[in-house]
């Protein structure tokens, strides 16, 4: 049986700031087109051990082009750092699993964790 959800990759703009700024989640074109809708302005992400879910802007050209496709937020960076998934060795970002939980709502976990 195939696991639910889809695989994405942690992303960083090269800064690896302790504040969490400059981090995100990169999704493939196929997964973006299958799981995200252009009419949504934001999506809600639920991550392990966070006090609350957080919203990420997808109402931007860079998410919908063929090269970028990152969900970017300081909260993603804080979670990645607190989970010791970041910083990572150059060229070896961790894999993540995103599981749709409702309209514009996703649960995010390290790829090895089950939902």
Protein backbone atom coordinates (compact mmCIF):
# COMPACT_ATOMS: atom_id res chain seq x y z
CA UNK A 1 0.00 0.00 0.00
CA UNK A 2 1.36 3.44 -0.94
CA UNK A 3 1.78 5.91 1.95
CA UNK A 4 -0.70 8.77 2.04
CA UNK A 5 0.38 12.21 1.02
CA UNK A 6 3.38 13.22 -1.04
CA UNK A 7 7.09 13.82 -0.57
CA UNK A 8 8.65 17.28 -0.60
CA UNK A 9 12.09 18.63 0.24
CA UNK A 10 13.17 21.11 2.90
CA UNK A 11 14.49 24.31 1.33
CA UNK A 12 16.77 27.13 2.43
CA UNK A 13 17.86 30.29 0.66
CA UNK A 14 21.43 29.79 1.90
CA UNK A 15 21.17 31.77 5.13
CA UNK A 16 20.39 29.06 7.74
CA UNK A 17 19.40 31.81 10.20
CA UNK A 18 18.59 30.71 13.77
CA UNK A 19 15.45 32.90 13.56
CA UNK A 20 13.98 30.47 11.03
CA UNK A 21 13.92 33.04 8.23
CA UNK A 22 14.87 31.74 4.79
CA UNK A 23 13.44 28.23 5.17
CA UNK A 24 10.64 26.47 3.39
CA UNK A 25 9.31 23.33 1.75
CA UNK A 26 9.78 22.73 -1.98
CA UNK A 27 7.07 20.74 -3.76
CA UNK A 28 7.20 19.22 -7.23
CA UNK A 29 5.18 20.67 -10.09
CA UNK A 30 3.04 17.51 -10.21
CA UNK A 31 2.30 17.58 -6.46
CA UNK A 32 1.64 21.32 -6.49
CA UNK A 33 -0.83 20.92 -9.34
CA UNK A 34 -2.50 17.88 -7.73
CA UNK A 35 -2.79 19.18 -4.16
CA UNK A 36 -2.90 23.01 -4.27
CA UNK A 37 -5.43 25.38 -5.83
CA UNK A 38 -4.61 28.78 -7.32
CA UNK A 39 -7.69 30.33 -5.69
CA UNK A 40 -6.33 29.62 -2.21
CA UNK A 41 -4.36 32.56 -0.89
CA UNK A 42 -2.77 30.60 1.94
CA UNK A 43 -2.46 27.04 3.19
CA UNK A 44 -2.43 25.87 6.79
CA UNK A 45 0.43 23.63 7.92
CA UNK A 46 0.35 21.38 10.96
CA UNK A 47 3.78 20.24 12.15
CA UNK A 48 4.74 17.97 15.05
CA UNK A 49 5.34 19.62 18.42
CA UNK A 50 4.14 23.06 17.32
CA UNK A 51 1.80 24.99 19.60
CA UNK A 52 -0.52 25.73 16.70
CA UNK A 53 -0.76 25.38 12.92
CA UNK A 54 0.46 28.27 10.80
CA UNK A 55 -0.49 29.84 7.48
CA UNK A 56 1.78 30.10 4.46
CA UNK A 57 1.18 32.40 1.49
CA UNK A 58 0.78 30.66 -1.88
CA UNK A 59 -0.77 33.67 -3.63
CA UNK A 60 2.48 34.58 -5.40
CA UNK A 61 3.94 33.95 -8.83
CA UNK A 62 7.01 32.17 -7.47
CA UNK A 63 4.88 29.34 -6.04
CA UNK A 64 3.11 28.82 -9.36
CA UNK A 65 6.10 28.98 -11.72
CA UNK A 66 8.10 25.96 -12.87
CA UNK A 67 11.27 26.67 -10.88
CA UNK A 68 10.52 27.86 -7.34
CA UNK A 69 7.39 26.22 -5.82
CA UNK A 70 8.42 26.76 -2.18
CA UNK A 71 6.16 27.15 0.82
CA UNK A 72 8.24 29.72 2.71
CA UNK A 73 7.81 30.84 6.31
CA UNK A 74 9.79 31.58 9.42
CA UNK A 75 7.65 29.01 11.28
CA UNK A 76 8.82 26.24 8.93
CA UNK A 77 12.40 27.22 9.70
CA UNK A 78 11.78 27.25 13.44
CA UNK A 79 10.19 23.80 13.25
CA UNK A 80 13.02 22.41 11.09
CA UNK A 81 15.64 23.78 13.49
CA UNK A 82 13.79 22.65 16.64
CA UNK A 83 13.37 19.18 15.11
CA UNK A 84 17.10 19.11 14.32
CA UNK A 85 16.33 18.73 10.63
CA UNK A 86 18.17 22.01 9.93
CA UNK A 87 20.74 23.10 9.21
CA UNK A 88 21.70 20.23 6.91
CA UNK A 89 24.87 19.39 4.99
CA UNK A 90 25.20 21.20 1.65
CA UNK A 91 23.21 19.38 -1.02
CA UNK A 92 21.42 17.06 1.43
CA UNK A 93 18.13 18.68 2.56
CA UNK A 94 15.78 16.41 4.46
CA UNK A 95 12.73 14.88 2.79
CA UNK A 96 9.32 15.68 4.23
CA UNK A 97 5.86 14.14 3.83
CA UNK A 98 2.81 16.34 3.37
CA UNK A 99 -0.61 14.83 3.89
CA UNK A 100 -3.75 16.75 2.88
CA UNK A 101 -6.12 17.05 5.85
CA UNK A 102 -8.80 19.27 4.34
CA UNK A 103 -9.23 22.18 1.96
CA UNK A 104 -5.89 23.99 2.07
CA UNK A 105 -4.76 22.10 5.19
CA UNK A 106 -1.68 19.85 5.30
CA UNK A 107 0.09 17.85 7.95
CA UNK A 108 3.89 17.95 7.56
CA UNK A 109 6.27 15.36 8.99
CA UNK A 110 9.81 14.12 8.38
CA UNK A 111 9.68 11.53 5.58
CA UNK A 112 10.43 8.62 7.95
CA UNK A 113 7.54 9.42 10.31
CA UNK A 114 4.09 7.94 9.75
CA UNK A 115 0.81 9.89 9.77
